[in-house]
Structure formats: structure tokens, C-alpha cells
Amino acid sequence: MVGKLFIGCPVWACEAWKGLLFTSVATRSQWLPQYSTAFNTVEGNSSFYALPSLETALRWRESVQPGFRFALKMPRAISHECRLLGATADLQAFLAVAEVLHAGHCLGPSFLQMPPDYSPRNRPDLESFLRDLPKHLPWAVEVRHPSWFDASAHEKWLDELLRELNIDKVIFDSRPLYSKPPGDDSEKAAQVRKPQTPVRQTVTGRHPFLRLIGRTQIEEVQPWIHQWAPVIAQWLANGLEPFVFTHAPDDRYAPPFARQLYAAIGEHLPQLAPPPLWPAEKSGPSEIQLTLF
């Protein structure tokens, strides 16, 4: 049985999507409902900086289409400030938000992103923290220190731990972004912020989790689209449910990036349903659409 593909963007709130993805008259309160008709998942990066209230989480879950999934980013207070130690209160607050979404059947894997200097020397803390996470909720982990990619003892230890706990390993691929010098200010800023970590295709759970970092000009990302498309198609053919997020230095270009990747996956998997029309497309072509496509 072919698995279900979850594909989306790093945000759902982007003013530049009016007339492209959103209808040109969409209000901010309509952005998430309209986004969820075009894509079936989103990275909840805002929770890294500040947790939403339970009322906001409830509003989110009531705003999306059936089958939609939020992939929340665990707060930096847990991962970066406390470094997983003494973070009980922050974790409980995060879990309360996650449970609201879980109860509404719209929670995808919440992902823990560790800081670049969090190395295998911290293995005991990481293992203890991961073992204590609620087993009924889906999780993913992103590591960035080079030692976790040693193709030897440290990498093997982490992969085996994640497989044992059925936790997915985040695949972070920034190769497209760094494939050439920045072409505009957004790419220049992105190359300062985004790390370059070795790329693996490691699967440790049922939800392979790929964060693909592109460029402003989508044609410059084509080699990686065509590299990842058959891999994702094979995950689906194996019955897995991948979560794939297309990042662009300028969020304006993330939706077309996701659409092109989806189409490329479909070339390897004819069973994949055609993508839905975007709300803006249902209301007629726009000047922005004609420019982008």
C-alpha cells in the first residue's frame, strides 16, 4: 500500500502569497484555512520562539482541512537555552499545545532541533530526554554538530536509538542554497543563517522528515528536485508517510517550489493524486501567477 505524502512550506502566513496561493482579498484570518486547501502540512517554526496559547492551538485545528498536519518545532528554551536539562515546565507547556492538535487529529511529527555545538558528548542527556517523551505523539530530531555525521560510532548510535524509539531523523539539505554565490539579499541572509550539514537519506521511523532549502530562482533547484523525487517516491512505495518541507530564502517562492517537487514525485509514482488548485487559481489567474509560472 502506497503511503501518504505530506508536503508543505515552512510558514503559512506570508503576505506575498495573496493573489498567488491565497485569493487577493484574503484576510490574515483566512490564510491558514486557504493554505490547508493547497497543502496538507506546515512547519510550525513560530513555536520555536513563542508557544501559542491553547486557545490559539484550538483555533488552528478548527481552521484546517481534514488530514492536515502541523509539524511543530520544539521551543528553543528547551533545546538551546536549557539544552534539554531542567526544562520540565517548558516541555509540559509544549506538550499541552501538542495534545490540543493531537486531539484534533492534526498533529504531525514535532521536531527537536539541537544547536550546532550540541555534540555526542551530550549523548546521555539526549537519550534520557528522548526516552521520556510521550510515546503516543510523533517526534523527529535534527542534529547539526559534525560529529553526528561521522559515518561511524556516533552516527550509528543515534540512528539505532531513534529506530528503537520510532523517532524520525530530520534530513536537512541546504546544498541548493550553497550551490552558487547569493543572487539577492534574501539568499545572502539565508547563507548566513542556514547551516551546511552532511546529507543522508536515513530513515529511522515511519515519517521520513526532509527540509529542503532552495533558492529564489526555482530553476536553480531542479537538480535537487530530480534527485529527491525518486527517493520520496520510494518511501511512499514502501508504505511510509514522509513529511517534506520546501524552504526558499524568500518565503514567496516556497509554494511553487513545493508544487514542482510534488510534480516530480508524481513522475515516479503515477498513483499520486494530482495536486489541488490553489484558492487564487480557483478565483482566476493573477499577475503574480503569470510572473512566476
Protein backbone atom coordinates (compact mmCIF):
# COMPACT_ATOMS: atom_id res chain seq x y z
CA MET A 1 0.00 0.00 0.00
CA VAL A 2 1.38 3.40 -1.00
CA GLY A 3 1.96 5.74 1.91
CA LYS A 4 0.63 9.27 2.22
CA LEU A 5 2.77 12.23 1.25
CA PHE A 6 2.75 15.30 3.46
CA ILE A 7 4.31 18.27 1.69
CA GLY A 8 4.24 21.93 2.57
CA CYS A 9 6.06 25.15 3.40
CA PRO A 10 7.92 26.47 6.46
CA VAL A 11 5.15 29.01 7.17
CA TRP A 12 1.52 29.57 6.30
CA ALA A 13 1.39 33.32 6.89
CA CYS A 14 3.00 35.18 4.01
CA GLU A 15 1.59 38.45 2.69
CA ALA A 16 3.26 37.88 -0.68
CA TRP A 17 1.07 34.82 -1.29
CA LYS A 18 -2.02 36.99 -1.78
CA GLY A 19 -3.01 36.57 -5.41
CA LEU A 20 -0.60 33.62 -5.76
CA LEU A 21 -1.74 30.98 -3.29
CA PHE A 22 -4.34 32.98 -1.34
CA THR A 23 -7.11 34.89 -3.01
CA SER A 24 -6.20 38.54 -3.50
CA VAL A 25 -8.83 39.62 -0.95
CA ALA A 26 -7.95 37.04 1.73
CA THR A 27 -7.65 38.45 5.24
CA ARG A 28 -4.99 37.22 7.66
CA SER A 29 -7.57 35.06 9.45
CA GLN A 30 -8.27 33.30 6.15
CA TRP A 31 -4.65 32.47 5.33
CA LEU A 32 -4.40 29.23 7.31
CA PRO A 33 -7.76 27.86 6.08
CA GLN A 34 -6.81 28.68 2.48
CA TYR A 35 -3.27 27.31 2.90
CA SER A 36 -4.69 24.00 4.17
CA THR A 37 -6.66 23.53 0.96
CA ALA A 38 -3.42 23.75 -1.04
CA PHE A 39 -1.00 21.83 1.22
CA ASN A 40 -1.55 19.21 3.89
CA THR A 41 1.22 20.15 6.32
CA VAL A 42 3.26 23.10 7.54
CA GLU A 43 6.30 23.62 9.72
CA GLY A 44 5.29 25.31 12.95
CA ASN A 45 8.51 27.29 13.25
CA SER A 46 6.85 30.03 15.31
CA SER A 47 6.63 27.67 18.30
CA PHE A 48 10.44 27.71 18.44
CA TYR A 49 10.30 31.35 19.50
CA ALA A 50 7.00 31.54 21.40
CA LEU A 51 4.34 28.98 22.18
CA PRO A 52 0.81 29.71 21.04
CA SER A 53 -1.89 29.72 23.67
CA LEU A 54 -4.13 26.69 23.95
CA GLU A 55 -6.94 28.83 22.55
CA THR A 56 -4.81 29.65 19.51
CA ALA A 57 -3.93 25.97 19.02
CA LEU A 58 -7.62 25.12 19.18
CA ARG A 59 -8.35 27.80 16.58
CA TRP A 60 -5.62 26.38 14.36
CA ARG A 61 -7.05 22.88 14.45
CA GLU A 62 -10.53 24.18 13.67
CA SER A 63 -9.20 26.17 10.70
CA VAL A 64 -7.62 23.37 8.66
CA GLN A 65 -8.91 20.72 6.31
CA PRO A 66 -9.28 17.09 7.47
CA GLY A 67 -5.98 15.26 7.15
CA PHE A 68 -3.84 18.38 7.66
CA ARG A 69 -0.82 18.08 9.97
CA PHE A 70 1.18 20.67 11.92
CA ALA A 71 4.88 19.82 12.40
CA LEU A 72 5.70 21.92 15.45
CA LYS A 73 9.24 22.98 16.28
CA MET A 74 10.10 22.45 19.92
CA PRO A 75 10.83 25.73 21.75
CA ARG A 76 14.40 26.99 21.86
CA ALA A 77 14.01 27.34 25.62
CA ILE A 78 14.19 23.53 25.71
CA SER A 79 16.77 22.82 23.01
CA HIS A 80 19.07 25.83 23.04
CA GLU A 81 18.72 27.53 26.42
CA CYS A 82 18.21 24.55 28.75
CA ARG A 83 19.91 22.09 26.38
CA LEU A 84 17.32 19.50 27.43
CA LEU A 85 18.17 19.83 31.15
CA GLY A 86 15.75 21.25 33.70
CA ALA A 87 13.21 22.05 31.03
CA THR A 88 10.23 20.27 32.59
CA ALA A 89 7.95 23.31 32.74
CA ASP A 90 8.71 24.36 29.17
CA LEU A 91 8.22 20.81 27.92
CA GLN A 92 4.89 20.45 29.69
CA ALA A 93 3.70 23.71 28.16
CA PHE A 94 4.72 22.50 24.71
CA LEU A 95 3.05 19.13 25.24
CA ALA A 96 -0.20 20.84 26.20
CA VAL A 97 -0.25 22.60 22.81
CA ALA A 98 0.69 19.40 21.01
CA GLU A 99 -2.09 17.50 22.74
CA VAL A 100 -4.67 20.03 21.56
CA LEU A 101 -3.62 19.40 17.97
CA HIS A 102 -3.30 15.65 18.54
CA ALA A 103 -6.87 15.53 19.86
CA GLY A 104 -7.99 17.17 16.64
CA HIS A 105 -6.08 14.63 14.51
CA CYS A 106 -3.88 17.36 13.01
CA LEU A 107 -0.52 16.82 14.72
CA GLY A 108 2.44 15.67 12.64
CA PRO A 109 5.92 14.95 13.99
CA SER A 110 7.09 17.65 16.40
CA PHE A 111 10.77 18.19 15.81
CA LEU A 112 13.60 18.87 18.20
CA GLN A 113 16.36 20.91 16.58
CA MET A 114 19.59 20.85 18.58
CA PRO A 115 22.11 23.72 18.39
CA PRO A 116 25.27 23.35 16.26
CA ASP A 117 27.52 22.85 19.30
CA TYR A 118 25.40 20.03 20.76
CA SER A 119 27.75 17.11 20.19
CA PRO A 120 27.92 13.39 21.01
CA ARG A 121 29.44 14.39 24.33
CA ASN A 122 25.84 15.13 25.27
CA ARG A 123 24.61 11.65 24.39
CA PRO A 124 23.34 10.77 27.91
CA ASP A 125 21.24 13.94 28.12
CA LEU A 126 19.80 13.45 24.64
CA GLU A 127 18.96 9.80 25.24
CA SER A 128 17.30 10.50 28.57
CA PHE A 129 15.22 13.29 27.11
CA LEU A 130 14.08 11.27 24.08
CA ARG A 131 13.19 8.21 26.16
CA ASP A 132 10.95 10.34 28.37
CA LEU A 133 8.92 11.85 25.52
CA PRO A 134 5.30 10.66 25.32
CA LYS A 135 5.19 7.61 23.08
CA HIS A 136 1.74 8.34 21.67
CA LEU A 137 2.94 11.53 19.97
CA PRO A 138 5.13 11.58 16.81
CA TRP A 139 8.64 13.06 17.11
CA ALA A 140 11.64 13.92 14.95
CA VAL A 141 15.17 15.05 15.80
CA GLU A 142 17.54 17.34 13.91
CA VAL A 143 21.22 17.38 14.89
CA ARG A 144 23.82 19.72 13.44
CA HIS A 145 27.19 19.06 15.06
CA PRO A 146 29.57 17.43 12.51
CA SER A 147 30.36 14.55 14.85
CA TRP A 148 26.84 13.20 14.48
CA PHE A 149 27.66 12.56 10.80
CA ASP A 150 30.87 10.58 11.31
CA ALA A 151 29.60 7.51 9.40
CA SER A 152 30.84 5.58 12.40
CA ALA A 153 30.10 5.12 16.09
CA HIS A 154 28.29 8.37 16.88
CA GLU A 155 26.05 8.32 13.82
CA LYS A 156 25.28 4.64 14.29
CA TRP A 157 24.41 5.18 17.95
CA LEU A 158 21.94 7.95 17.14
CA ASP A 159 20.32 6.09 14.26
CA GLU A 160 19.86 2.98 16.39
CA LEU A 161 18.40 4.97 19.28
CA LEU A 162 15.92 6.73 17.01
CA ARG A 163 14.88 3.45 15.39
CA GLU A 164 14.36 1.87 18.80
CA LEU A 165 12.16 4.78 19.89
CA ASN A 166 10.42 5.10 16.49
CA ILE A 167 11.57 8.72 16.24
CA ASP A 168 12.29 10.19 12.82
CA LYS A 169 15.61 11.77 11.91
CA VAL A 170 15.33 15.16 10.23
CA ILE A 171 17.16 15.37 6.91
CA PHE A 172 18.39 18.93 6.35
CA ASP A 173 19.56 19.58 2.80
CA SER A 174 20.94 23.07 2.18
CA ARG A 175 23.04 22.10 -0.85
CA PRO A 176 20.84 24.01 -3.32
CA LEU A 177 21.23 27.20 -1.29
CA TYR A 178 25.02 26.93 -1.27
CA SER A 179 25.37 25.71 -4.85
CA LYS A 180 26.46 29.18 -6.00
CA PRO A 181 27.06 32.64 -4.56
CA PRO A 182 23.94 34.52 -3.41
CA GLY A 183 21.95 36.12 -6.17
CA ASP A 184 19.99 38.55 -3.99
CA ASP A 185 19.76 39.84 -0.44
CA SER A 186 17.45 37.05 0.72
CA GLU A 187 19.92 34.39 -0.43
CA LYS A 188 22.77 36.30 1.18
CA ALA A 189 20.93 36.37 4.50
CA ALA A 190 19.95 32.70 4.20
CA GLN A 191 23.56 31.66 3.61
CA VAL A 192 24.48 33.38 6.86
CA ARG A 193 21.71 31.68 8.85
CA LYS A 194 21.43 28.19 7.40
CA PRO A 195 23.99 25.51 8.29
CA GLN A 196 25.66 23.10 5.91
CA THR A 197 25.40 19.59 7.33
CA PRO A 198 26.11 16.30 5.54
CA VAL A 199 23.06 14.93 3.76
CA ARG A 200 21.80 11.44 4.46
CA GLN A 201 18.74 9.53 3.35
CA THR A 202 18.47 7.75 6.68
CA VAL A 203 15.03 6.54 7.73
CA THR A 204 14.53 5.75 11.40
CA GLY A 205 10.73 5.90 11.72
CA ARG A 206 7.55 5.91 9.66
CA HIS A 207 7.74 9.59 8.75
CA PRO A 208 10.93 10.49 6.90
CA PHE A 209 11.34 14.21 7.55
CA LEU A 210 13.03 16.29 4.82
CA ARG A 211 13.75 20.02 4.99
CA LEU A 212 14.98 21.09 1.54
CA ILE A 213 16.47 24.58 1.33
CA GLY A 214 16.19 26.10 -2.14
CA ARG A 215 16.97 29.35 -3.90
CA THR A 216 14.98 32.30 -5.20
CA GLN A 217 15.21 31.07 -8.81
CA ILE A 218 13.49 27.70 -8.75
CA GLU A 219 15.17 26.57 -11.95
CA GLU A 220 18.44 26.57 -9.99
CA VAL A 221 17.00 23.93 -7.66
CA GLN A 222 15.99 21.46 -10.39
CA PRO A 223 18.95 19.06 -9.88
CA TRP A 224 17.93 18.50 -6.26
CA ILE A 225 14.24 18.24 -7.08
CA HIS A 226 15.07 15.44 -9.50
CA GLN A 227 17.46 13.85 -7.01
CA TRP A 228 14.94 13.73 -4.18
CA ALA A 229 11.81 12.89 -6.20
CA PRO A 230 12.62 9.18 -6.72
CA VAL A 231 13.77 8.84 -3.11
CA ILE A 232 10.49 10.24 -1.79
CA ALA A 233 8.54 8.12 -4.27
CA GLN A 234 10.30 5.02 -2.96
CA TRP A 235 9.49 5.96 0.62
CA LEU A 236 5.85 6.19 -0.39
CA ALA A 237 6.01 2.89 -2.29
CA ASN A 238 7.38 1.33 0.90
CA GLY A 239 4.28 2.47 2.79
CA LEU A 240 5.99 5.31 4.67
CA GLU A 241 4.46 8.75 5.23
CA PRO A 242 7.15 11.35 4.55
CA PHE A 243 6.95 14.96 5.66
CA VAL A 244 8.66 17.24 3.14
CA PHE A 245 9.12 21.00 3.55
CA THR A 246 10.39 23.27 0.80
CA HIS A 247 12.20 26.36 2.06
CA ALA A 248 13.13 29.36 -0.06
CA PRO A 249 15.27 32.32 1.01
CA ASP A 250 12.21 34.43 0.25
CA ASP A 251 9.05 32.64 1.51
CA ARG A 252 7.21 33.99 -1.53
CA TYR A 253 8.77 31.19 -3.62
CA ALA A 254 8.20 28.25 -1.25
CA PRO A 255 4.77 27.21 -2.65
CA PRO A 256 5.91 26.97 -6.31
CA PHE A 257 8.96 25.04 -5.10
CA ALA A 258 6.69 22.55 -3.30
CA ARG A 259 4.46 22.21 -6.35
CA GLN A 260 7.38 21.43 -8.65
CA LEU A 261 8.74 18.84 -6.24
CA TYR A 262 5.29 17.25 -5.96
CA ALA A 263 5.02 17.03 -9.73
CA ALA A 264 8.46 15.42 -9.96
CA ILE A 265 7.48 12.81 -7.35
CA GLY A 266 4.37 12.06 -9.38
CA GLU A 267 6.53 11.23 -12.39
CA HIS A 268 7.92 8.30 -10.38
CA LEU A 269 4.64 7.38 -8.71
CA PRO A 270 1.64 7.50 -11.07
CA GLN A 271 -0.71 6.64 -8.17
CA LEU A 272 -0.02 10.04 -6.61
CA ALA A 273 -3.10 12.22 -6.85
CA PRO A 274 -2.81 15.46 -8.79
CA PRO A 275 -2.21 18.49 -6.56
CA PRO A 276 -5.23 20.62 -5.68
CA LEU A 277 -5.79 24.02 -7.20
CA TRP A 278 -4.77 26.91 -5.02
CA PRO A 279 -7.51 29.28 -3.82
CA ALA A 280 -6.10 32.06 -6.01
CA GLU A 281 -6.29 29.78 -9.04
CA LYS A 282 -9.91 28.95 -8.34
CA SER A 283 -10.72 32.65 -8.41
CA GLY A 284 -8.85 33.27 -11.67
CA PRO A 285 -5.28 33.93 -12.85
CA SER A 286 -3.29 36.76 -11.31
CA GLU A 287 -0.44 38.93 -12.42
CA ILE A 288 1.78 37.26 -9.83
CA GLN A 289 0.93 33.80 -11.12
CA LEU A 290 1.72 34.80 -14.68
CA THR A 291 5.06 36.16 -13.49
CA LEU A 292 6.00 33.02 -11.53
CA PHE A 293 4.76 30.40 -13.93
